[in-house]
Amino acid sequence: MYEQYDWAQTYSETSFWSKIRGFAKQAGYGLTEKALWLYYAAQKPEVPVKAKAVIWSALGYFILPLDAVVDALPVVGFGDDLAVLMGALVIVATYIDDGVKARANAKLRDWFGPQVLSF
C-alpha cells in the first residue's frame, strides 16, 4: 500500500534546525557556517524571491534524508552538501552581509565554543 510522504515535515524550518544542531560538529565549522549564512540571508525581507528559491533549494538538499553521499560517512559524508551550499553562496553572495555573518557567528559560538573567530 502506497503511503503519501509528508514533504512539509521533511522540508521545514524545524527539520533544518534539527539537522544542523544534530550534525554541526560532525559536519564541521565550515559547512555549518555556510548553511547558517544561507539561512539568515533568507530571513532578510529585501532578498528577492529568486534568491530565496536558490537558498531554500540548497538548504532543502542539506536536510534531505537521502543524499548522493550518506552524511554518516566520515570525512566524505557532507562533501555533496558543502558543494550544493557553496554553489548557492556563489549565486546569492551579495546578500551575505555583515549582519548575516554576525548572526551566524553568534550561533557558531554557541555550538562550537567561544574560540570561534569572528568574520
PDB file of N, CA and C in Angstrom:
ATOM      1  N   MET A   1       0.843  -1.175   0.000  1.00  0.00           N
ATOM      2  CA  MET A   1       0.000   0.000   0.000  1.00  0.00           C
ATOM      3  C   MET A   1       0.892   1.243   0.000  1.00  0.00           C
ATOM      4  N   TYR A   2       0.582   2.158  -0.867  1.00  0.00           N
ATOM      5  CA  TYR A   2       1.360   3.395  -1.009  1.00  0.00           C
ATOM      6  C   TYR A   2       0.920   4.422   0.026  1.00  0.00           C
ATOM      7  N   GLU A   3       1.894   4.913   0.772  1.00  0.00           N
ATOM      8  CA  GLU A   3       1.612   5.977   1.739  1.00  0.00           C
ATOM      9  C   GLU A   3       2.209   7.267   1.219  1.00  0.00           C
ATOM     10  N   GLN A   4       1.471   8.336   1.370  1.00  0.00           N
ATOM     11  CA  GLN A   4       1.961   9.629   0.914  1.00  0.00           C
ATOM     12  C   GLN A   4       3.030  10.132   1.879  1.00  0.00           C
ATOM     13  N   TYR A   5       4.149  10.582   1.328  1.00  0.00           N
ATOM     14  CA  TYR A   5       5.256  11.087   2.136  1.00  0.00           C
ATOM     15  C   TYR A   5       4.957  12.522   2.556  1.00  0.00           C
ATOM     16  N   ASP A   6       5.237  12.845   3.787  1.00  0.00           N
ATOM     17  CA  ASP A   6       4.970  14.191   4.317  1.00  0.00           C
ATOM     18  C   ASP A   6       6.167  15.104   4.046  1.00  0.00           C
ATOM     19  N   TRP A   7       6.216  15.670   2.831  1.00  0.00           N
ATOM     20  CA  TRP A   7       7.318  16.542   2.439  1.00  0.00           C
ATOM     21  C   TRP A   7       7.365  17.799   3.288  1.00  0.00           C
ATOM     22  N   ALA A   8       6.213  18.302   3.720  1.00  0.00           N
ATOM     23  CA  ALA A   8       6.175  19.520   4.542  1.00  0.00           C
ATOM     24  C   ALA A   8       6.903  19.298   5.862  1.00  0.00           C
ATOM     25  N   GLN A   9       6.841  18.086   6.376  1.00  0.00           N
ATOM     26  CA  GLN A   9       7.544  17.776   7.630  1.00  0.00           C
ATOM     27  C   GLN A   9       9.047  17.678   7.392  1.00  0.00           C
ATOM     28  N   THR A  10       9.445  17.092   6.265  1.00  0.00           N
ATOM     29  CA  THR A  10      10.862  16.936   5.954  1.00  0.00           C
ATOM     30  C   THR A  10      11.512  18.269   5.634  1.00  0.00           C
ATOM     31  N   TYR A  11      10.839  19.078   4.849  1.00  0.00           N
ATOM     32  CA  TYR A  11      11.390  20.361   4.419  1.00  0.00           C
ATOM     33  C   TYR A  11      10.760  21.496   5.197  1.00  0.00           C
ATOM     34  N   SER A  12      11.179  21.633   6.420  1.00  0.00           N
ATOM     35  CA  SER A  12      10.628  22.673   7.274  1.00  0.00           C
ATOM     36  C   SER A  12      11.757  23.341   8.044  1.00  0.00           C
ATOM     37  N   GLU A  13      11.446  24.464   8.614  1.00  0.00           N
ATOM     38  CA  GLU A  13      12.428  25.167   9.441  1.00  0.00           C
ATOM     39  C   GLU A  13      12.835  24.295  10.623  1.00  0.00           C
ATOM     40  N   THR A  14      11.879  23.565  11.178  1.00  0.00           N
ATOM     41  CA  THR A  14      12.169  22.673  12.297  1.00  0.00           C
ATOM     42  C   THR A  14      13.158  21.590  11.893  1.00  0.00           C
ATOM     43  N   SER A  15      12.962  20.997  10.709  1.00  0.00           N
ATOM     44  CA  SER A  15      13.889  19.940  10.290  1.00  0.00           C
ATOM     45  C   SER A  15      15.270  20.504   9.964  1.00  0.00           C
ATOM     46  N   PHE A  16      15.335  21.755   9.468  1.00  0.00           N
ATOM     47  CA  PHE A  16      16.634  22.390   9.246  1.00  0.00           C
ATOM     48  C   PHE A  16      17.383  22.518  10.570  1.00  0.00           C
ATOM     49  N   TRP A  17      16.721  23.076  11.587  1.00  0.00           N
ATOM     50  CA  TRP A  17      17.391  23.266  12.882  1.00  0.00           C
ATOM     51  C   TRP A  17      17.749  21.932  13.522  1.00  0.00           C
ATOM     52  N   SER A  18      16.892  20.945  13.373  1.00  0.00           N
ATOM     53  CA  SER A  18      17.182  19.628  13.924  1.00  0.00           C
ATOM     54  C   SER A  18      18.421  19.028  13.265  1.00  0.00           C
ATOM     55  N   LYS A  19      18.487  19.102  11.941  1.00  0.00           N
ATOM     56  CA  LYS A  19      19.631  18.543  11.215  1.00  0.00           C
ATOM     57  C   LYS A  19      20.916  19.288  11.559  1.00  0.00           C
ATOM     58  N   ILE A  20      20.865  20.603  11.532  1.00  0.00           N
ATOM     59  CA  ILE A  20      22.096  21.362  11.731  1.00  0.00           C
ATOM     60  C   ILE A  20      22.591  21.248  13.172  1.00  0.00           C
ATOM     61  N   ARG A  21      21.675  21.218  14.129  1.00  0.00           N
ATOM     62  CA  ARG A  21      22.097  21.040  15.529  1.00  0.00           C
ATOM     63  C   ARG A  21      22.669  19.643  15.740  1.00  0.00           C
ATOM     64  N   GLY A  22      22.026  18.652  15.135  1.00  0.00           N
ATOM     65  CA  GLY A  22      22.461  17.275  15.321  1.00  0.00           C
ATOM     66  C   GLY A  22      23.772  16.936  14.645  1.00  0.00           C
ATOM     67  N   PHE A  23      24.082  17.651  13.560  1.00  0.00           N
ATOM     68  CA  PHE A  23      25.266  17.315  12.785  1.00  0.00           C
ATOM     69  C   PHE A  23      26.319  18.410  12.751  1.00  0.00           C
ATOM     70  N   ALA A  24      26.142  19.488  13.479  1.00  0.00           N
ATOM     71  CA  ALA A  24      27.060  20.627  13.391  1.00  0.00           C
ATOM     72  C   ALA A  24      28.510  20.221  13.630  1.00  0.00           C
ATOM     73  N   LYS A  25      28.759  19.518  14.696  1.00  0.00           N
ATOM     74  CA  LYS A  25      30.153  19.148  14.997  1.00  0.00           C
ATOM     75  C   LYS A  25      30.681  18.121  14.009  1.00  0.00           C
ATOM     76  N   GLN A  26      29.837  17.174  13.604  1.00  0.00           N
ATOM     77  CA  GLN A  26      30.267  16.168  12.637  1.00  0.00           C
ATOM     78  C   GLN A  26      30.484  16.809  11.258  1.00  0.00           C
ATOM     79  N   ALA A  27      29.598  17.715  10.869  1.00  0.00           N
ATOM     80  CA  ALA A  27      29.714  18.379   9.568  1.00  0.00           C
ATOM     81  C   ALA A  27      30.886  19.348   9.559  1.00  0.00           C
ATOM     82  N   GLY A  28      31.179  19.912  10.699  1.00  0.00           N
ATOM     83  CA  GLY A  28      32.300  20.830  10.806  1.00  0.00           C
ATOM     84  C   GLY A  28      31.873  22.280  10.743  1.00  0.00           C
ATOM     85  N   TYR A  29      32.796  23.099  11.167  1.00  0.00           N
ATOM     86  CA  TYR A  29      32.555  24.537  11.245  1.00  0.00           C
ATOM     87  C   TYR A  29      32.210  25.136   9.884  1.00  0.00           C
ATOM     88  N   GLY A  30      32.976  24.798   8.856  1.00  0.00           N
ATOM     89  CA  GLY A  30      32.805  25.411   7.535  1.00  0.00           C
ATOM     90  C   GLY A  30      31.438  25.166   6.933  1.00  0.00           C
ATOM     91  N   LEU A  31      30.988  23.922   6.921  1.00  0.00           N
ATOM     92  CA  LEU A  31      29.682  23.617   6.356  1.00  0.00           C
ATOM     93  C   LEU A  31      28.578  24.243   7.192  1.00  0.00           C
ATOM     94  N   THR A  32      28.700  24.170   8.490  1.00  0.00           N
ATOM     95  CA  THR A  32      27.694  24.745   9.375  1.00  0.00           C
ATOM     96  C   THR A  32      27.609  26.252   9.180  1.00  0.00           C
ATOM     97  N   GLU A  33      28.753  26.890   9.062  1.00  0.00           N
ATOM     98  CA  GLU A  33      28.780  28.338   8.832  1.00  0.00           C
ATOM     99  C   GLU A  33      28.055  28.698   7.536  1.00  0.00           C
ATOM    100  N   LYS A  34      28.339  27.974   6.467  1.00  0.00           N
ATOM    101  CA  LYS A  34      27.717  28.271   5.166  1.00  0.00           C
ATOM    102  C   LYS A  34      26.212  28.063   5.214  1.00  0.00           C
ATOM    103  N   ALA A  35      25.769  27.001   5.867  1.00  0.00           N
ATOM    104  CA  ALA A  35      24.335  26.747   5.991  1.00  0.00           C
ATOM    105  C   ALA A  35      23.660  27.871   6.773  1.00  0.00           C
ATOM    106  N   LEU A  36      24.299  28.329   7.832  1.00  0.00           N
ATOM    107  CA  LEU A  36      23.728  29.432   8.627  1.00  0.00           C
ATOM    108  C   LEU A  36      23.726  30.736   7.845  1.00  0.00           C
ATOM    109  N   TRP A  37      24.771  31.002   7.079  1.00  0.00           N
ATOM    110  CA  TRP A  37      24.781  32.213   6.237  1.00  0.00           C
ATOM    111  C   TRP A  37      23.565  32.205   5.315  1.00  0.00           C
ATOM    112  N   LEU A  38      23.338  31.073   4.664  1.00  0.00           N
ATOM    113  CA  LEU A  38      22.204  30.989   3.748  1.00  0.00           C
ATOM    114  C   LEU A  38      20.881  31.140   4.491  1.00  0.00           C
ATOM    115  N   TYR A  39      20.763  30.466   5.607  1.00  0.00           N
ATOM    116  CA  TYR A  39      19.525  30.536   6.380  1.00  0.00           C
ATOM    117  C   TYR A  39      19.216  31.979   6.793  1.00  0.00           C
ATOM    118  N   TYR A  40      20.200  32.648   7.357  1.00  0.00           N
ATOM    119  CA  TYR A  40      19.955  34.017   7.830  1.00  0.00           C
ATOM    120  C   TYR A  40      19.772  35.000   6.672  1.00  0.00           C
ATOM    121  N   ALA A  41      20.403  34.751   5.541  1.00  0.00           N
ATOM    122  CA  ALA A  41      20.176  35.604   4.372  1.00  0.00           C
ATOM    123  C   ALA A  41      18.731  35.462   3.893  1.00  0.00           C
ATOM    124  N   ALA A  42      18.196  34.259   3.942  1.00  0.00           N
ATOM    125  CA  ALA A  42      16.818  34.024   3.504  1.00  0.00           C
ATOM    126  C   ALA A  42      15.804  34.724   4.404  1.00  0.00           C
ATOM    127  N   GLN A  43      16.203  35.060   5.613  1.00  0.00           N
ATOM    128  CA  GLN A  43      15.301  35.739   6.544  1.00  0.00           C
ATOM    129  C   GLN A  43      15.148  37.227   6.228  1.00  0.00           C
ATOM    130  N   LYS A  44      16.061  37.758   5.428  1.00  0.00           N
ATOM    131  CA  LYS A  44      16.033  39.186   5.112  1.00  0.00           C
ATOM    132  C   LYS A  44      14.909  39.488   4.119  1.00  0.00           C
ATOM    133  N   PRO A  45      14.046  40.463   4.455  1.00  0.00           N
ATOM    134  CA  PRO A  45      12.920  40.760   3.565  1.00  0.00           C
ATOM    135  C   PRO A  45      13.345  41.324   2.206  1.00  0.00           C
ATOM    136  N   GLU A  46      14.499  41.960   2.119  1.00  0.00           N
ATOM    137  CA  GLU A  46      14.920  42.563   0.855  1.00  0.00           C
ATOM    138  C   GLU A  46      15.532  41.568  -0.132  1.00  0.00           C
ATOM    139  N   VAL A  47      15.734  40.335   0.288  1.00  0.00           N
ATOM    140  CA  VAL A  47      16.271  39.320  -0.622  1.00  0.00           C
ATOM    141  C   VAL A  47      15.155  38.906  -1.583  1.00  0.00           C
ATOM    142  N   PRO A  48      15.417  38.982  -2.900  1.00  0.00           N
ATOM    143  CA  PRO A  48      14.369  38.648  -3.875  1.00  0.00           C
ATOM    144  C   PRO A  48      13.952  37.178  -3.827  1.00  0.00           C
ATOM    145  N   VAL A  49      12.764  36.936  -4.298  1.00  0.00           N
ATOM    146  CA  VAL A  49      12.195  35.589  -4.284  1.00  0.00           C
ATOM    147  C   VAL A  49      13.085  34.595  -5.022  1.00  0.00           C
ATOM    148  N   LYS A  50      13.665  34.980  -6.148  1.00  0.00           N
ATOM    149  CA  LYS A  50      14.539  34.061  -6.903  1.00  0.00           C
ATOM    150  C   LYS A  50      15.752  33.645  -6.068  1.00  0.00           C
ATOM    151  N   ALA A  51      16.341  34.596  -5.353  1.00  0.00           N
ATOM    152  CA  ALA A  51      17.488  34.279  -4.500  1.00  0.00           C
ATOM    153  C   ALA A  51      17.052  33.378  -3.346  1.00  0.00           C
ATOM    154  N   LYS A  52      15.886  33.655  -2.777  1.00  0.00           N
ATOM    155  CA  LYS A  52      15.379  32.800  -1.697  1.00  0.00           C
ATOM    156  C   LYS A  52      15.103  31.389  -2.198  1.00  0.00           C
ATOM    157  N   ALA A  53      14.641  31.269  -3.435  1.00  0.00           N
ATOM    158  CA  ALA A  53      14.400  29.937  -4.012  1.00  0.00           C
ATOM    159  C   ALA A  53      15.702  29.153  -4.104  1.00  0.00           C
ATOM    160  N   VAL A  54      16.778  29.827  -4.503  1.00  0.00           N
ATOM    161  CA  VAL A  54      18.090  29.177  -4.557  1.00  0.00           C
ATOM    162  C   VAL A  54      18.515  28.748  -3.157  1.00  0.00           C
ATOM    163  N   ILE A  55      18.355  29.645  -2.200  1.00  0.00           N
ATOM    164  CA  ILE A  55      18.749  29.351  -0.813  1.00  0.00           C
ATOM    165  C   ILE A  55      17.951  28.172  -0.266  1.00  0.00           C
ATOM    166  N   TRP A  56      16.628  28.233  -0.385  1.00  0.00           N
ATOM    167  CA  TRP A  56      15.797  27.165   0.180  1.00  0.00           C
ATOM    168  C   TRP A  56      16.036  25.837  -0.530  1.00  0.00           C
ATOM    169  N   SER A  57      16.353  25.887  -1.808  1.00  0.00           N
ATOM    170  CA  SER A  57      16.673  24.647  -2.531  1.00  0.00           C
ATOM    171  C   SER A  57      17.950  24.015  -1.979  1.00  0.00           C
ATOM    172  N   ALA A  58      18.966  24.843  -1.766  1.00  0.00           N
ATOM    173  CA  ALA A  58      20.234  24.328  -1.228  1.00  0.00           C
ATOM    174  C   ALA A  58      20.051  23.806   0.191  1.00  0.00           C
ATOM    175  N   LEU A  59      19.318  24.551   1.011  1.00  0.00           N
ATOM    176  CA  LEU A  59      19.082  24.097   2.385  1.00  0.00           C
ATOM    177  C   LEU A  59      18.184  22.858   2.390  1.00  0.00           C
ATOM    178  N   GLY A  60      17.269  22.778   1.434  1.00  0.00           N
ATOM    179  CA  GLY A  60      16.440  21.579   1.307  1.00  0.00           C
ATOM    180  C   GLY A  60      17.281  20.345   1.005  1.00  0.00           C
ATOM    181  N   TYR A  61      18.269  20.504   0.120  1.00  0.00           N
ATOM    182  CA  TYR A  61      19.169  19.385  -0.166  1.00  0.00           C
ATOM    183  C   TYR A  61      19.958  19.008   1.095  1.00  0.00           C
ATOM    184  N   PHE A  62      20.369  20.011   1.841  1.00  0.00           N
ATOM    185  CA  PHE A  62      21.127  19.767   3.074  1.00  0.00           C
ATOM    186  C   PHE A  62      20.328  18.915   4.052  1.00  0.00           C
ATOM    187  N   ILE A  63      19.031  19.158   4.178  1.00  0.00           N
ATOM    188  CA  ILE A  63      18.235  18.399   5.147  1.00  0.00           C
ATOM    189  C   ILE A  63      17.590  17.156   4.540  1.00  0.00           C
ATOM    190  N   LEU A  64      17.786  16.954   3.234  1.00  0.00           N
ATOM    191  CA  LEU A  64      17.225  15.786   2.564  1.00  0.00           C
ATOM    192  C   LEU A  64      17.683  14.502   3.256  1.00  0.00           C
ATOM    193  N   PRO A  65      16.749  13.629   3.604  1.00  0.00           N
ATOM    194  CA  PRO A  65      17.148  12.407   4.311  1.00  0.00           C
ATOM    195  C   PRO A  65      17.985  11.456   3.459  1.00  0.00           C
ATOM    196  N   LEU A  66      17.831  11.502   2.135  1.00  0.00           N
ATOM    197  CA  LEU A  66      18.627  10.657   1.242  1.00  0.00           C
ATOM    198  C   LEU A  66      19.568  11.553   0.459  1.00  0.00           C
ATOM    199  N   ASP A  67      20.835  11.270   0.508  1.00  0.00           N
ATOM    200  CA  ASP A  67      21.853  12.079  -0.158  1.00  0.00           C
ATOM    201  C   ASP A  67      22.573  11.271  -1.223  1.00  0.00           C
ATOM    202  N   ALA A  68      23.258  11.983  -2.096  1.00  0.00           N
ATOM    203  CA  ALA A  68      24.144  11.312  -3.055  1.00  0.00           C
ATOM    204  C   ALA A  68      25.254  10.596  -2.292  1.00  0.00           C
ATOM    205  N   VAL A  69      25.742  11.216  -1.231  1.00  0.00           N
ATOM    206  CA  VAL A  69      26.740  10.614  -0.348  1.00  0.00           C
ATOM    207  C   VAL A  69      26.154  10.649   1.052  1.00  0.00           C
ATOM    208  N   VAL A  70      26.062   9.508   1.705  1.00  0.00           N
ATOM    209  CA  VAL A  70      25.440   9.409   3.019  1.00  0.00           C
ATOM    210  C   VAL A  70      26.202  10.263   4.031  1.00  0.00           C
ATOM    211  N   ASP A  71      25.457  11.133   4.750  1.00  0.00           N
ATOM    212  CA  ASP A  71      26.076  12.060   5.696  1.00  0.00           C
ATOM    213  C   ASP A  71      26.813  11.362   6.837  1.00  0.00           C
ATOM    214  N   ALA A  72      26.418  10.166   7.175  1.00  0.00           N
ATOM    215  CA  ALA A  72      27.050   9.465   8.287  1.00  0.00           C
ATOM    216  C   ALA A  72      28.466   8.977   7.970  1.00  0.00           C
ATOM    217  N   LEU A  73      28.849   8.980   6.704  1.00  0.00           N
ATOM    218  CA  LEU A  73      30.197   8.534   6.342  1.00  0.00           C
ATOM    219  C   LEU A  73      31.233   9.556   6.813  1.00  0.00           C
ATOM    220  N   PRO A  74      32.262   9.120   7.508  1.00  0.00           N
ATOM    221  CA  PRO A  74      33.281  10.053   7.961  1.00  0.00           C
ATOM    222  C   PRO A  74      34.018  10.695   6.782  1.00  0.00           C
ATOM    223  N   VAL A  75      34.409  11.908   6.939  1.00  0.00           N
ATOM    224  CA  VAL A  75      35.198  12.701   6.004  1.00  0.00           C
ATOM    225  C   VAL A  75      34.414  13.106   4.748  1.00  0.00           C
ATOM    226  N   VAL A  76      33.885  12.162   3.995  1.00  0.00           N
ATOM    227  CA  VAL A  76      33.243  12.485   2.718  1.00  0.00           C
ATOM    228  C   VAL A  76      31.735  12.685   2.808  1.00  0.00           C
ATOM    229  N   GLY A  77      31.137  12.343   3.919  1.00  0.00           N
ATOM    230  CA  GLY A  77      29.684  12.337   4.054  1.00  0.00           C
ATOM    231  C   GLY A  77      28.996  13.648   3.749  1.00  0.00           C
ATOM    232  N   PHE A  78      29.622  14.750   4.081  1.00  0.00           N
ATOM    233  CA  PHE A  78      28.997  16.045   3.862  1.00  0.00           C
ATOM    234  C   PHE A  78      29.574  16.780   2.655  1.00  0.00           C
ATOM    235  N   GLY A  79      30.407  16.136   1.882  1.00  0.00           N
ATOM    236  CA  GLY A  79      31.021  16.778   0.717  1.00  0.00           C
ATOM    237  C   GLY A  79      30.007  17.254  -0.299  1.00  0.00           C
ATOM    238  N   ASP A  80      29.000  16.433  -0.581  1.00  0.00           N
ATOM    239  CA  ASP A  80      27.977  16.842  -1.538  1.00  0.00           C
ATOM    240  C   ASP A  80      27.144  18.000  -1.001  1.00  0.00           C
ATOM    241  N   ASP A  81      26.870  17.975   0.293  1.00  0.00           N
ATOM    242  CA  ASP A  81      26.114  19.071   0.911  1.00  0.00           C
ATOM    243  C   ASP A  81      26.898  20.382   0.801  1.00  0.00           C
ATOM    244  N   LEU A  82      28.182  20.312   1.097  1.00  0.00           N
ATOM    245  CA  LEU A  82      29.019  21.503   1.015  1.00  0.00           C
ATOM    246  C   LEU A  82      29.062  22.041  -0.411  1.00  0.00           C
ATOM    247  N   ALA A  83      29.153  21.161  -1.393  1.00  0.00           N
ATOM    248  CA  ALA A  83      29.183  21.597  -2.792  1.00  0.00           C
ATOM    249  C   ALA A  83      27.896  22.330  -3.165  1.00  0.00           C
ATOM    250  N   VAL A  84      26.765  21.813  -2.736  1.00  0.00           N
ATOM    251  CA  VAL A  84      25.480  22.456  -3.036  1.00  0.00           C
ATOM    252  C   VAL A  84      25.384  23.811  -2.326  1.00  0.00           C
ATOM    253  N   LEU A  85      25.778  23.856  -1.057  1.00  0.00           N
ATOM    254  CA  LEU A  85      25.729  25.116  -0.313  1.00  0.00           C
ATOM    255  C   LEU A  85      26.660  26.153  -0.929  1.00  0.00           C
ATOM    256  N   MET A  86      27.850  25.735  -1.353  1.00  0.00           N
ATOM    257  CA  MET A  86      28.797  26.671  -1.967  1.00  0.00           C
ATOM    258  C   MET A  86      28.260  27.196  -3.301  1.00  0.00           C
ATOM    259  N   GLY A  87      27.616  26.335  -4.064  1.00  0.00           N
ATOM    260  CA  GLY A  87      27.007  26.784  -5.315  1.00  0.00           C
ATOM    261  C   GLY A  87      25.950  27.848  -5.066  1.00  0.00           C
ATOM    262  N   ALA A  88      25.130  27.633  -4.055  1.00  0.00           N
ATOM    263  CA  ALA A  88      24.110  28.625  -3.708  1.00  0.00           C
ATOM    264  C   ALA A  88      24.762  29.919  -3.231  1.00  0.00           C
ATOM    265  N   LEU A  89      25.823  29.809  -2.456  1.00  0.00           N
ATOM    266  CA  LEU A  89      26.513  31.011  -1.968  1.00  0.00           C
ATOM    267  C   LEU A  89      27.063  31.849  -3.108  1.00  0.00           C
ATOM    268  N   VAL A  90      27.574  31.214  -4.137  1.00  0.00           N
ATOM    269  CA  VAL A  90      28.086  31.946  -5.299  1.00  0.00           C
ATOM    270  C   VAL A  90      26.958  32.770  -5.924  1.00  0.00           C
ATOM    271  N   ILE A  91      25.778  32.183  -6.000  1.00  0.00           N
ATOM    272  CA  ILE A  91      24.641  32.852  -6.640  1.00  0.00           C
ATOM    273  C   ILE A  91      24.091  33.997  -5.781  1.00  0.00           C
ATOM    274  N   VAL A  92      24.080  33.830  -4.475  1.00  0.00           N
ATOM    275  CA  VAL A  92      23.427  34.825  -3.601  1.00  0.00           C
ATOM    276  C   VAL A  92      24.424  35.603  -2.735  1.00  0.00           C
ATOM    277  N   ALA A  93      25.676  35.587  -3.114  1.00  0.00           N
ATOM    278  CA  ALA A  93      26.738  36.192  -2.288  1.00  0.00           C
ATOM    279  C   ALA A  93      26.466  37.649  -1.915  1.00  0.00           C
ATOM    280  N   THR A  94      25.818  38.401  -2.764  1.00  0.00           N
ATOM    281  CA  THR A  94      25.579  39.817  -2.472  1.00  0.00           C
ATOM    282  C   THR A  94      24.650  40.016  -1.278  1.00  0.00           C
ATOM    283  N   TYR A  95      23.929  38.984  -0.872  1.00  0.00           N
ATOM    284  CA  TYR A  95      23.012  39.095   0.265  1.00  0.00           C
ATOM    285  C   TYR A  95      23.620  38.592   1.569  1.00  0.00           C
ATOM    286  N   ILE A  96      24.845  38.092   1.496  1.00  0.00           N
ATOM    287  CA  ILE A  96      25.548  37.627   2.695  1.00  0.00           C
ATOM    288  C   ILE A  96      26.363  38.806   3.223  1.00  0.00           C
ATOM    289  N   ASP A  97      25.742  39.616   4.063  1.00  0.00           N
ATOM    290  CA  ASP A  97      26.397  40.819   4.561  1.00  0.00           C
ATOM    291  C   ASP A  97      26.902  40.609   5.996  1.00  0.00           C
ATOM    292  N   ASP A  98      27.448  41.663   6.576  1.00  0.00           N
ATOM    293  CA  ASP A  98      27.995  41.568   7.931  1.00  0.00           C
ATOM    294  C   ASP A  98      26.935  41.176   8.966  1.00  0.00           C
ATOM    295  N   GLY A  99      25.698  41.627   8.779  1.00  0.00           N
ATOM    296  CA  GLY A  99      24.625  41.264   9.705  1.00  0.00           C
ATOM    297  C   GLY A  99      24.332  39.777   9.678  1.00  0.00           C
ATOM    298  N   VAL A 100      24.287  39.191   8.484  1.00  0.00           N
ATOM    299  CA  VAL A 100      24.068  37.752   8.324  1.00  0.00           C
ATOM    300  C   VAL A 100      25.220  36.987   8.974  1.00  0.00           C
ATOM    301  N   LYS A 101      26.428  37.433   8.711  1.00  0.00           N
ATOM    302  CA  LYS A 101      27.602  36.751   9.273  1.00  0.00           C
ATOM    303  C   LYS A 101      27.644  36.859  10.793  1.00  0.00           C
ATOM    304  N   ALA A 102      27.224  37.995  11.328  1.00  0.00           N
ATOM    305  CA  ALA A 102      27.215  38.179  12.792  1.00  0.00           C
ATOM    306  C   ALA A 102      26.212  37.232  13.449  1.00  0.00           C
ATOM    307  N   ARG A 103      25.035  37.100  12.849  1.00  0.00           N
ATOM    308  CA  ARG A 103      24.030  36.190  13.402  1.00  0.00           C
ATOM    309  C   ARG A 103      24.533  34.747  13.361  1.00  0.00           C
ATOM    310  N   ALA A 104      25.140  34.371  12.243  1.00  0.00           N
ATOM    311  CA  ALA A 104      25.680  33.018  12.117  1.00  0.00           C
ATOM    312  C   ALA A 104      26.808  32.794  13.117  1.00  0.00           C
ATOM    313  N   ASN A 105      27.662  33.795  13.273  1.00  0.00           N
ATOM    314  CA  ASN A 105      28.789  33.681  14.192  1.00  0.00           C
ATOM    315  C   ASN A 105      28.324  33.497  15.636  1.00  0.00           C
ATOM    316  N   ALA A 106      27.258  34.187  16.017  1.00  0.00           N
ATOM    317  CA  ALA A 106      26.722  34.044  17.376  1.00  0.00           C
ATOM    318  C   ALA A 106      26.262  32.604  17.606  1.00  0.00           C
ATOM    319  N   LYS A 107      25.584  32.024  16.624  1.00  0.00           N
ATOM    320  CA  LYS A 107      25.114  30.642  16.745  1.00  0.00           C
ATOM    321  C   LYS A 107      26.299  29.676  16.757  1.00  0.00           C
ATOM    322  N   LEU A 108      27.308  29.940  15.922  1.00  0.00           N
ATOM    323  CA  LEU A 108      28.503  29.085  15.892  1.00  0.00           C
ATOM    324  C   LEU A 108      29.238  29.102  17.225  1.00  0.00           C
ATOM    325  N   ARG A 109      29.310  30.254  17.864  1.00  0.00           N
ATOM    326  CA  ARG A 109      29.937  30.336  19.193  1.00  0.00           C
ATOM    327  C   ARG A 109      29.166  29.508  20.209  1.00  0.00           C
ATOM    328  N   ASP A 110      27.830  29.495  20.100  1.00  0.00           N
ATOM    329  CA  ASP A 110      27.016  28.663  20.998  1.00  0.00           C
ATOM    330  C   ASP A 110      27.355  27.189  20.821  1.00  0.00           C
ATOM    331  N   TRP A 111      27.512  26.753  19.568  1.00  0.00           N
ATOM    332  CA  TRP A 111      27.708  25.339  19.280  1.00  0.00           C
ATOM    333  C   TRP A 111      29.155  24.890  19.343  1.00  0.00           C
ATOM    334  N   PHE A 112      30.087  25.750  18.925  1.00  0.00           N
ATOM    335  CA  PHE A 112      31.492  25.346  18.842  1.00  0.00           C
ATOM    336  C   PHE A 112      32.356  25.942  19.946  1.00  0.00           C
ATOM    337  N   GLY A 113      31.788  26.857  20.728  1.00  0.00           N
ATOM    338  CA  GLY A 113      32.520  27.449  21.824  1.00  0.00           C
ATOM    339  C   GLY A 113      33.002  28.859  21.497  1.00  0.00           C
ATOM    340  N   PRO A 114      33.472  29.559  22.520  1.00  0.00           N
ATOM    341  CA  PRO A 114      33.859  30.959  22.352  1.00  0.00           C
ATOM    342  C   PRO A 114      35.111  31.168  21.524  1.00  0.00           C
ATOM    343  N   GLN A 115      35.856  30.126  21.242  1.00  0.00           N
ATOM    344  CA  GLN A 115      37.084  30.267  20.466  1.00  0.00           C
ATOM    345  C   GLN A 115      36.818  30.513  18.987  1.00  0.00           C
ATOM    346  N   VAL A 116      35.560  30.437  18.556  1.00  0.00           N
ATOM    347  CA  VAL A 116      35.224  30.675  17.152  1.00  0.00           C
ATOM    348  C   VAL A 116      35.572  32.119  16.799  1.00  0.00           C
ATOM    349  N   LEU A 117      36.298  32.273  15.719  1.00  0.00           N
ATOM    350  CA  LEU A 117      36.729  33.603  15.302  1.00  0.00           C
ATOM    351  C   LEU A 117      35.602  34.349  14.630  1.00  0.00           C
ATOM    352  N   SER A 118      35.587  35.645  14.812  1.00  0.00           N
ATOM    353  CA  SER A 118      34.627  36.481  14.105  1.00  0.00           C
ATOM    354  C   SER A 118      35.113  36.683  12.683  1.00  0.00           C
ATOM    355  N   PHE A 119      34.181  37.047  11.794  1.00  0.00           N
ATOM    356  CA  PHE A 119      34.495  37.235  10.376  1.00  0.00           C
ATOM    357  C   PHE A 119      35.382  38.416  10.154  1.00  0.00           C
TER     358      PHE A 119
END
